[in-house]
Amino acid sequence: MDVTDFINLPVYTSKGKYIGEVRNVLLDIEERKVDKLILTETNREFVENGMDVAVPYRWVSAVGDIIILSYFPERVEMPVEEEEEEE
């Protein structure tokens, strides 16, 4: 399978819940392997505001017409940045 074959594949949890689709693939050049999948159009049930997320490739359990993840967090949210106190 070529790296470009991942693009636009739908991604699901092991329980069949849709997460998003692959927009891009990040490679670890030194190790010569796929490092992360960048998912877009993500399911708002799992990802705050449907933002793009990076999924470590080690979470992938199967690749074919779809990608199945062995793990995905219950919810992905943006961290709240605390305002710096003025002195």
PDB file of N, CA and C in Angstrom:
ATOM      1  N   MET A   1       0.850  -1.185   0.000  1.00  0.00           N
ATOM      2  CA  MET A   1       0.000   0.000   0.000  1.00  0.00           C
ATOM      3  C   MET A   1       0.892   1.243   0.000  1.00  0.00           C
ATOM      4  N   ASP A   2       0.569   2.191  -0.861  1.00  0.00           N
ATOM      5  CA  ASP A   2       1.296   3.458  -0.906  1.00  0.00           C
ATOM      6  C   ASP A   2       0.727   4.412   0.134  1.00  0.00           C
ATOM      7  N   VAL A   3       1.548   5.340   0.590  1.00  0.00           N
ATOM      8  CA  VAL A   3       1.110   6.334   1.573  1.00  0.00           C
ATOM      9  C   VAL A   3      -0.083   7.121   1.035  1.00  0.00           C
ATOM     10  N   THR A   4      -0.077   7.418  -0.244  1.00  0.00           N
ATOM     11  CA  THR A   4      -1.184   8.195  -0.824  1.00  0.00           C
ATOM     12  C   THR A   4      -2.503   7.433  -0.799  1.00  0.00           C
ATOM     13  N   ASP A   5      -2.459   6.113  -0.644  1.00  0.00           N
ATOM     14  CA  ASP A   5      -3.697   5.324  -0.566  1.00  0.00           C
ATOM     15  C   ASP A   5      -4.485   5.604   0.707  1.00  0.00           C
ATOM     16  N   PHE A   6      -3.825   6.158   1.725  1.00  0.00           N
ATOM     17  CA  PHE A   6      -4.508   6.497   2.979  1.00  0.00           C
ATOM     18  C   PHE A   6      -5.430   7.708   2.831  1.00  0.00           C
ATOM     19  N   ILE A   7      -5.082   8.631   1.913  1.00  0.00           N
ATOM     20  CA  ILE A   7      -5.809   9.892   1.774  1.00  0.00           C
ATOM     21  C   ILE A   7      -7.277   9.623   1.453  1.00  0.00           C
ATOM     22  N   ASN A   8      -8.150  10.304   2.198  1.00  0.00           N
ATOM     23  CA  ASN A   8      -9.613  10.242   2.063  1.00  0.00           C
ATOM     24  C   ASN A   8     -10.251   8.952   2.573  1.00  0.00           C
ATOM     25  N   LEU A   9      -9.464   8.044   3.165  1.00  0.00           N
ATOM     26  CA  LEU A   9     -10.081   6.842   3.737  1.00  0.00           C
ATOM     27  C   LEU A   9     -10.863   7.216   4.996  1.00  0.00           C
ATOM     28  N   PRO A  10     -12.060   6.668   5.165  1.00  0.00           N
ATOM     29  CA  PRO A  10     -12.808   6.911   6.397  1.00  0.00           C
ATOM     30  C   PRO A  10     -12.173   6.149   7.554  1.00  0.00           C
ATOM     31  N   VAL A  11     -12.257   6.745   8.750  1.00  0.00           N
ATOM     32  CA  VAL A  11     -11.645   6.164   9.951  1.00  0.00           C
ATOM     33  C   VAL A  11     -12.739   5.905  10.988  1.00  0.00           C
ATOM     34  N   TYR A  12     -12.734   4.703  11.560  1.00  0.00           N
ATOM     35  CA  TYR A  12     -13.740   4.281  12.530  1.00  0.00           C
ATOM     36  C   TYR A  12     -13.076   3.731  13.790  1.00  0.00           C
ATOM     37  N   THR A  13     -13.821   3.779  14.895  1.00  0.00           N
ATOM     38  CA  THR A  13     -13.363   3.114  16.120  1.00  0.00           C
ATOM     39  C   THR A  13     -13.578   1.613  15.962  1.00  0.00           C
ATOM     40  N   SER A  14     -13.043   0.851  16.884  1.00  0.00           N
ATOM     41  CA  SER A  14     -13.232  -0.605  16.850  1.00  0.00           C
ATOM     42  C   SER A  14     -14.693  -0.983  17.087  1.00  0.00           C
ATOM     43  N   LYS A  15     -15.494  -0.027  17.590  1.00  0.00           N
ATOM     44  CA  LYS A  15     -16.924  -0.273  17.814  1.00  0.00           C
ATOM     45  C   LYS A  15     -17.789   0.250  16.670  1.00  0.00           C
ATOM     46  N   GLY A  16     -17.136   0.663  15.575  1.00  0.00           N
ATOM     47  CA  GLY A  16     -17.876   1.070  14.392  1.00  0.00           C
ATOM     48  C   GLY A  16     -18.337   2.514  14.355  1.00  0.00           C
ATOM     49  N   LYS A  17     -17.835   3.343  15.265  1.00  0.00           N
ATOM     50  CA  LYS A  17     -18.196   4.771  15.272  1.00  0.00           C
ATOM     51  C   LYS A  17     -17.281   5.537  14.330  1.00  0.00           C
ATOM     52  N   TYR A  18     -17.883   6.354  13.473  1.00  0.00           N
ATOM     53  CA  TYR A  18     -17.118   7.159  12.514  1.00  0.00           C
ATOM     54  C   TYR A  18     -16.359   8.259  13.245  1.00  0.00           C
ATOM     55  N   ILE A  19     -15.062   8.417  12.939  1.00  0.00           N
ATOM     56  CA  ILE A  19     -14.236   9.464  13.541  1.00  0.00           C
ATOM     57  C   ILE A  19     -13.968  10.594  12.542  1.00  0.00           C
ATOM     58  N   GLY A  20     -13.600  10.266  11.322  1.00  0.00           N
ATOM     59  CA  GLY A  20     -13.286  11.280  10.321  1.00  0.00           C
ATOM     60  C   GLY A  20     -12.645  10.614   9.114  1.00  0.00           C
ATOM     61  N   GLU A  21     -12.003  11.430   8.282  1.00  0.00           N
ATOM     62  CA  GLU A  21     -11.294  10.849   7.148  1.00  0.00           C
ATOM     63  C   GLU A  21      -9.866  11.379   7.103  1.00  0.00           C
ATOM     64  N   VAL A  22      -8.996  10.601   6.489  1.00  0.00           N
ATOM     65  CA  VAL A  22      -7.578  10.950   6.445  1.00  0.00           C
ATOM     66  C   VAL A  22      -7.360  12.106   5.462  1.00  0.00           C
ATOM     67  N   ARG A  23      -6.785  13.182   5.974  1.00  0.00           N
ATOM     68  CA  ARG A  23      -6.437  14.327   5.134  1.00  0.00           C
ATOM     69  C   ARG A  23      -4.973  14.271   4.721  1.00  0.00           C
ATOM     70  N   ASN A  24      -4.130  13.772   5.636  1.00  0.00           N
ATOM     71  CA  ASN A  24      -2.696  13.761   5.367  1.00  0.00           C
ATOM     72  C   ASN A  24      -2.028  12.673   6.197  1.00  0.00           C
ATOM     73  N   VAL A  25      -0.818  12.325   5.811  1.00  0.00           N
ATOM     74  CA  VAL A  25      -0.042  11.305   6.513  1.00  0.00           C
ATOM     75  C   VAL A  25       1.305  11.916   6.888  1.00  0.00           C
ATOM     76  N   LEU A  26       1.668  11.816   8.162  1.00  0.00           N
ATOM     77  CA  LEU A  26       2.980  12.287   8.612  1.00  0.00           C
ATOM     78  C   LEU A  26       3.912  11.090   8.709  1.00  0.00           C
ATOM     79  N   LEU A  27       5.100  11.252   8.151  1.00  0.00           N
ATOM     80  CA  LEU A  27       6.073  10.163   8.127  1.00  0.00           C
ATOM     81  C   LEU A  27       7.212  10.430   9.091  1.00  0.00           C
ATOM     82  N   ASP A  28       7.748   9.366   9.671  1.00  0.00           N
ATOM     83  CA  ASP A  28       8.984   9.435  10.442  1.00  0.00           C
ATOM     84  C   ASP A  28      10.078   9.017   9.472  1.00  0.00           C
ATOM     85  N   ILE A  29      10.773  10.012   8.939  1.00  0.00           N
ATOM     86  CA  ILE A  29      11.764   9.770   7.893  1.00  0.00           C
ATOM     87  C   ILE A  29      12.922   8.915   8.402  1.00  0.00           C
ATOM     88  N   GLU A  30      13.393   9.196   9.613  1.00  0.00           N
ATOM     89  CA  GLU A  30      14.521   8.435  10.157  1.00  0.00           C
ATOM     90  C   GLU A  30      14.180   6.954  10.331  1.00  0.00           C
ATOM     91  N   GLU A  31      12.982   6.693  10.840  1.00  0.00           N
ATOM     92  CA  GLU A  31      12.560   5.302  11.068  1.00  0.00           C
ATOM     93  C   GLU A  31      11.933   4.669   9.821  1.00  0.00           C
ATOM     94  N   ARG A  32      11.657   5.504   8.799  1.00  0.00           N
ATOM     95  CA  ARG A  32      11.046   5.047   7.550  1.00  0.00           C
ATOM     96  C   ARG A  32       9.722   4.348   7.783  1.00  0.00           C
ATOM     97  N   LYS A  33       8.829   5.061   8.512  1.00  0.00           N
ATOM     98  CA  LYS A  33       7.507   4.491   8.784  1.00  0.00           C
ATOM     99  C   LYS A  33       6.471   5.609   8.903  1.00  0.00           C
ATOM    100  N   VAL A  34       5.209   5.212   8.841  1.00  0.00           N
ATOM    101  CA  VAL A  34       4.119   6.158   9.055  1.00  0.00           C
ATOM    102  C   VAL A  34       4.090   6.507  10.533  1.00  0.00           C
ATOM    103  N   ASP A  35       4.030   7.792  10.845  1.00  0.00           N
ATOM    104  CA  ASP A  35       4.022   8.245  12.242  1.00  0.00           C
ATOM    105  C   ASP A  35       2.614   8.580  12.709  1.00  0.00           C
ATOM    106  N   LYS A  36       1.909   9.434  11.937  1.00  0.00           N
ATOM    107  CA  LYS A  36       0.568   9.872  12.339  1.00  0.00           C
ATOM    108  C   LYS A  36      -0.316  10.035  11.122  1.00  0.00           C
ATOM    109  N   LEU A  37      -1.613   9.923  11.363  1.00  0.00           N
ATOM    110  CA  LEU A  37      -2.613  10.242  10.361  1.00  0.00           C
ATOM    111  C   LEU A  37      -3.314  11.519  10.799  1.00  0.00           C
ATOM    112  N   ILE A  38      -3.450  12.472   9.894  1.00  0.00           N
ATOM    113  CA  ILE A  38      -4.186  13.703  10.184  1.00  0.00           C
ATOM    114  C   ILE A  38      -5.612  13.481   9.695  1.00  0.00           C
ATOM    115  N   LEU A  39      -6.560  13.573  10.620  1.00  0.00           N
ATOM    116  CA  LEU A  39      -7.967  13.358  10.282  1.00  0.00           C
ATOM    117  C   LEU A  39      -8.685  14.690  10.173  1.00  0.00           C
ATOM    118  N   THR A  40      -9.581  14.787   9.205  1.00  0.00           N
ATOM    119  CA  THR A  40     -10.369  15.990   8.985  1.00  0.00           C
ATOM    120  C   THR A  40     -11.848  15.627   8.971  1.00  0.00           C
ATOM    121  N   GLU A  41     -12.690  16.646   8.970  1.00  0.00           N
ATOM    122  CA  GLU A  41     -14.142  16.439   8.986  1.00  0.00           C
ATOM    123  C   GLU A  41     -14.523  15.443  10.075  1.00  0.00           C
ATOM    124  N   THR A  42     -13.970  15.670  11.264  1.00  0.00           N
ATOM    125  CA  THR A  42     -14.152  14.722  12.363  1.00  0.00           C
ATOM    126  C   THR A  42     -15.546  14.809  12.976  1.00  0.00           C
ATOM    127  N   ASN A  43     -15.930  13.713  13.585  1.00  0.00           N
ATOM    128  CA  ASN A  43     -17.218  13.566  14.240  1.00  0.00           C
ATOM    129  C   ASN A  43     -17.240  14.426  15.514  1.00  0.00           C
ATOM    130  N   ARG A  44     -18.173  15.371  15.573  1.00  0.00           N
ATOM    131  CA  ARG A  44     -18.256  16.287  16.723  1.00  0.00           C
ATOM    132  C   ARG A  44     -18.622  15.569  18.023  1.00  0.00           C
ATOM    133  N   GLU A  45     -19.121  14.375  17.921  1.00  0.00           N
ATOM    134  CA  GLU A  45     -19.412  13.568  19.111  1.00  0.00           C
ATOM    135  C   GLU A  45     -18.114  13.226  19.854  1.00  0.00           C
ATOM    136  N   PHE A  46     -17.018  13.105  19.087  1.00  0.00           N
ATOM    137  CA  PHE A  46     -15.727  12.736  19.655  1.00  0.00           C
ATOM    138  C   PHE A  46     -14.729  13.878  19.708  1.00  0.00           C
ATOM    139  N   VAL A  47     -14.836  14.829  18.755  1.00  0.00           N
ATOM    140  CA  VAL A  47     -13.826  15.879  18.611  1.00  0.00           C
ATOM    141  C   VAL A  47     -14.495  17.251  18.654  1.00  0.00           C
ATOM    142  N   GLU A  48     -14.067  18.074  19.616  1.00  0.00           N
ATOM    143  CA  GLU A  48     -14.622  19.413  19.784  1.00  0.00           C
ATOM    144  C   GLU A  48     -14.584  20.200  18.471  1.00  0.00           C
ATOM    145  N   ASN A  49     -15.713  20.760  18.111  1.00  0.00           N
ATOM    146  CA  ASN A  49     -15.869  21.593  16.908  1.00  0.00           C
ATOM    147  C   ASN A  49     -15.487  20.891  15.610  1.00  0.00           C
ATOM    148  N   GLY A  50     -15.357  19.577  15.622  1.00  0.00           N
ATOM    149  CA  GLY A  50     -15.009  18.846  14.403  1.00  0.00           C
ATOM    150  C   GLY A  50     -13.658  19.217  13.831  1.00  0.00           C
ATOM    151  N   MET A  51     -12.747  19.664  14.726  1.00  0.00           N
ATOM    152  CA  MET A  51     -11.421  20.111  14.264  1.00  0.00           C
ATOM    153  C   MET A  51     -10.582  18.933  13.789  1.00  0.00           C
ATOM    154  N   ASP A  52      -9.533  19.243  13.029  1.00  0.00           N
ATOM    155  CA  ASP A  52      -8.597  18.224  12.575  1.00  0.00           C
ATOM    156  C   ASP A  52      -7.798  17.698  13.766  1.00  0.00           C
ATOM    157  N   VAL A  53      -7.501  16.412  13.757  1.00  0.00           N
ATOM    158  CA  VAL A  53      -6.701  15.811  14.829  1.00  0.00           C
ATOM    159  C   VAL A  53      -5.649  14.887  14.231  1.00  0.00           C
ATOM    160  N   ALA A  54      -4.543  14.728  14.956  1.00  0.00           N
ATOM    161  CA  ALA A  54      -3.494  13.793  14.571  1.00  0.00           C
ATOM    162  C   ALA A  54      -3.656  12.525  15.403  1.00  0.00           C
ATOM    163  N   VAL A  55      -3.667  11.400  14.732  1.00  0.00           N
ATOM    164  CA  VAL A  55      -3.824  10.107  15.400  1.00  0.00           C
ATOM    165  C   VAL A  55      -2.531   9.318  15.209  1.00  0.00           C
ATOM    166  N   PRO A  56      -1.905   8.876  16.309  1.00  0.00           N
ATOM    167  CA  PRO A  56      -0.690   8.063  16.173  1.00  0.00           C
ATOM    168  C   PRO A  56      -0.992   6.785  15.380  1.00  0.00           C
ATOM    169  N   TYR A  57      -0.120   6.441  14.478  1.00  0.00           N
ATOM    170  CA  TYR A  57      -0.359   5.261  13.639  1.00  0.00           C
ATOM    171  C   TYR A  57      -0.422   3.978  14.468  1.00  0.00           C
ATOM    172  N   ARG A  58       0.194   3.977  15.629  1.00  0.00           N
ATOM    173  CA  ARG A  58       0.151   2.774  16.481  1.00  0.00           C
ATOM    174  C   ARG A  58      -1.278   2.451  16.937  1.00  0.00           C
ATOM    175  N   TRP A  59      -2.205   3.420  16.837  1.00  0.00           N
ATOM    176  CA  TRP A  59      -3.614   3.178  17.182  1.00  0.00           C
ATOM    177  C   TRP A  59      -4.369   2.462  16.071  1.00  0.00           C
ATOM    178  N   VAL A  60      -3.784   2.363  14.887  1.00  0.00           N
ATOM    179  CA  VAL A  60      -4.442   1.725  13.749  1.00  0.00           C
ATOM    180  C   VAL A  60      -4.350   0.212  13.909  1.00  0.00           C
ATOM    181  N   SER A  61      -5.506  -0.450  13.820  1.00  0.00           N
ATOM    182  CA  SER A  61      -5.491  -1.913  13.925  1.00  0.00           C
ATOM    183  C   SER A  61      -5.746  -2.583  12.587  1.00  0.00           C
ATOM    184  N   ALA A  62      -6.398  -1.882  11.637  1.00  0.00           N
ATOM    185  CA  ALA A  62      -6.659  -2.480  10.330  1.00  0.00           C
ATOM    186  C   ALA A  62      -6.791  -1.391   9.270  1.00  0.00           C
ATOM    187  N   VAL A  63      -6.285  -1.710   8.069  1.00  0.00           N
ATOM    188  CA  VAL A  63      -6.387  -0.794   6.931  1.00  0.00           C
ATOM    189  C   VAL A  63      -6.867  -1.592   5.728  1.00  0.00           C
ATOM    190  N   GLY A  64      -7.881  -1.062   5.078  1.00  0.00           N
ATOM    191  CA  GLY A  64      -8.413  -1.673   3.850  1.00  0.00           C
ATOM    192  C   GLY A  64      -9.193  -0.592   3.131  1.00  0.00           C
ATOM    193  N   ASP A  65     -10.472  -0.842   2.901  1.00  0.00           N
ATOM    194  CA  ASP A  65     -11.344   0.184   2.328  1.00  0.00           C
ATOM    195  C   ASP A  65     -11.635   1.268   3.358  1.00  0.00           C
ATOM    196  N   ILE A  66     -11.462   0.912   4.633  1.00  0.00           N
ATOM    197  CA  ILE A  66     -11.584   1.854   5.754  1.00  0.00           C
ATOM    198  C   ILE A  66     -10.410   1.615   6.694  1.00  0.00           C
ATOM    199  N   ILE A  67     -10.253   2.524   7.656  1.00  0.00           N
ATOM    200  CA  ILE A  67      -9.234   2.344   8.698  1.00  0.00           C
ATOM    201  C   ILE A  67      -9.963   2.146  10.018  1.00  0.00           C
ATOM    202  N   ILE A  68      -9.541   1.150  10.766  1.00  0.00           N
ATOM    203  CA  ILE A  68     -10.124   0.876  12.081  1.00  0.00           C
ATOM    204  C   ILE A  68      -9.062   1.138  13.132  1.00  0.00           C
ATOM    205  N   LEU A  69      -9.447   1.915  14.141  1.00  0.00           N
ATOM    206  CA  LEU A  69      -8.533   2.240  15.238  1.00  0.00           C
ATOM    207  C   LEU A  69      -8.766   1.301  16.406  1.00  0.00           C
ATOM    208  N   SER A  70      -7.687   0.873  17.034  1.00  0.00           N
ATOM    209  CA  SER A  70      -7.802   0.045  18.238  1.00  0.00           C
ATOM    210  C   SER A  70      -8.079   0.915  19.460  1.00  0.00           C
ATOM    211  N   TYR A  71      -7.769   2.226  19.344  1.00  0.00           N
ATOM    212  CA  TYR A  71      -7.986   3.149  20.464  1.00  0.00           C
ATOM    213  C   TYR A  71      -8.334   4.517  19.903  1.00  0.00           C
ATOM    214  N   PHE A  72      -9.227   5.218  20.592  1.00  0.00           N
ATOM    215  CA  PHE A  72      -9.488   6.633  20.359  1.00  0.00           C
ATOM    216  C   PHE A  72     -10.103   7.167  21.642  1.00  0.00           C
ATOM    217  N   PRO A  73      -9.676   8.351  22.113  1.00  0.00           N
ATOM    218  CA  PRO A  73     -10.216   8.889  23.363  1.00  0.00           C
ATOM    219  C   PRO A  73     -11.724   9.102  23.273  1.00  0.00           C
ATOM    220  N   GLU A  74     -12.383   9.104  24.430  1.00  0.00           N
ATOM    221  CA  GLU A  74     -13.825   9.345  24.461  1.00  0.00           C
ATOM    222  C   GLU A  74     -14.166  10.727  23.927  1.00  0.00           C
ATOM    223  N   ARG A  75     -13.282  11.694  24.177  1.00  0.00           N
ATOM    224  CA  ARG A  75     -13.542  13.073  23.730  1.00  0.00           C
ATOM    225  C   ARG A  75     -12.213  13.795  23.573  1.00  0.00           C
ATOM    226  N   VAL A  76     -12.054  14.537  22.475  1.00  0.00           N
ATOM    227  CA  VAL A  76     -10.874  15.364  22.238  1.00  0.00           C
ATOM    228  C   VAL A  76     -11.319  16.812  22.309  1.00  0.00           C
ATOM    229  N   GLU A  77     -10.716  17.577  23.225  1.00  0.00           N
ATOM    230  CA  GLU A  77     -11.076  18.978  23.395  1.00  0.00           C
ATOM    231  C   GLU A  77      -9.831  19.838  23.368  1.00  0.00           C
ATOM    232  N   MET A  78     -10.018  21.082  22.962  1.00  0.00           N
ATOM    233  CA  MET A  78      -8.915  22.046  22.975  1.00  0.00           C
ATOM    234  C   MET A  78      -8.614  22.414  24.420  1.00  0.00           C
ATOM    235  N   PRO A  79      -7.332  22.454  24.797  1.00  0.00           N
ATOM    236  CA  PRO A  79      -7.001  22.894  26.157  1.00  0.00           C
ATOM    237  C   PRO A  79      -7.349  24.369  26.332  1.00  0.00           C
ATOM    238  N   VAL A  80      -7.830  24.702  27.502  1.00  0.00           N
ATOM    239  CA  VAL A  80      -8.168  26.089  27.804  1.00  0.00           C
ATOM    240  C   VAL A  80      -6.890  26.795  28.229  1.00  0.00           C
ATOM    241  N   GLU A  81      -6.569  27.885  27.520  1.00  0.00           N
ATOM    242  CA  GLU A  81      -5.375  28.640  27.856  1.00  0.00           C
ATOM    243  C   GLU A  81      -5.708  29.652  28.934  1.00  0.00           C
ATOM    244  N   GLU A  82      -4.940  29.605  30.007  1.00  0.00           N
ATOM    245  CA  GLU A  82      -5.171  30.547  31.085  1.00  0.00           C
ATOM    246  C   GLU A  82      -4.544  31.884  30.733  1.00  0.00           C
ATOM    247  N   GLU A  83      -5.263  32.956  31.047  1.00  0.00           N
ATOM    248  CA  GLU A  83      -4.730  34.274  30.779  1.00  0.00           C
ATOM    249  C   GLU A  83      -3.596  34.570  31.753  1.00  0.00           C
ATOM    250  N   GLU A  84      -2.534  35.173  31.226  1.00  0.00           N
ATOM    251  CA  GLU A  84      -1.407  35.491  32.082  1.00  0.00           C
ATOM    252  C   GLU A  84      -1.785  36.685  32.970  1.00  0.00           C
ATOM    253  N   GLU A  85      -1.402  36.577  34.224  1.00  0.00           N
ATOM    254  CA  GLU A  85      -1.702  37.674  35.161  1.00  0.00           C
ATOM    255  C   GLU A  85      -0.738  38.821  34.938  1.00  0.00           C
ATOM    256  N   GLU A  86      -1.281  40.027  34.948  1.00  0.00           N
ATOM    257  CA  GLU A  86      -0.424  41.192  34.774  1.00  0.00           C
ATOM    258  C   GLU A  86       0.177  41.573  36.112  1.00  0.00           C
ATOM    259  N   GLU A  87       1.431  42.002  36.079  1.00  0.00           N
ATOM    260  CA  GLU A  87       2.106  42.366  37.325  1.00  0.00           C
ATOM    261  C   GLU A  87       1.899  43.813  37.646  1.00  0.00           C
TER     262      GLU A  87
END
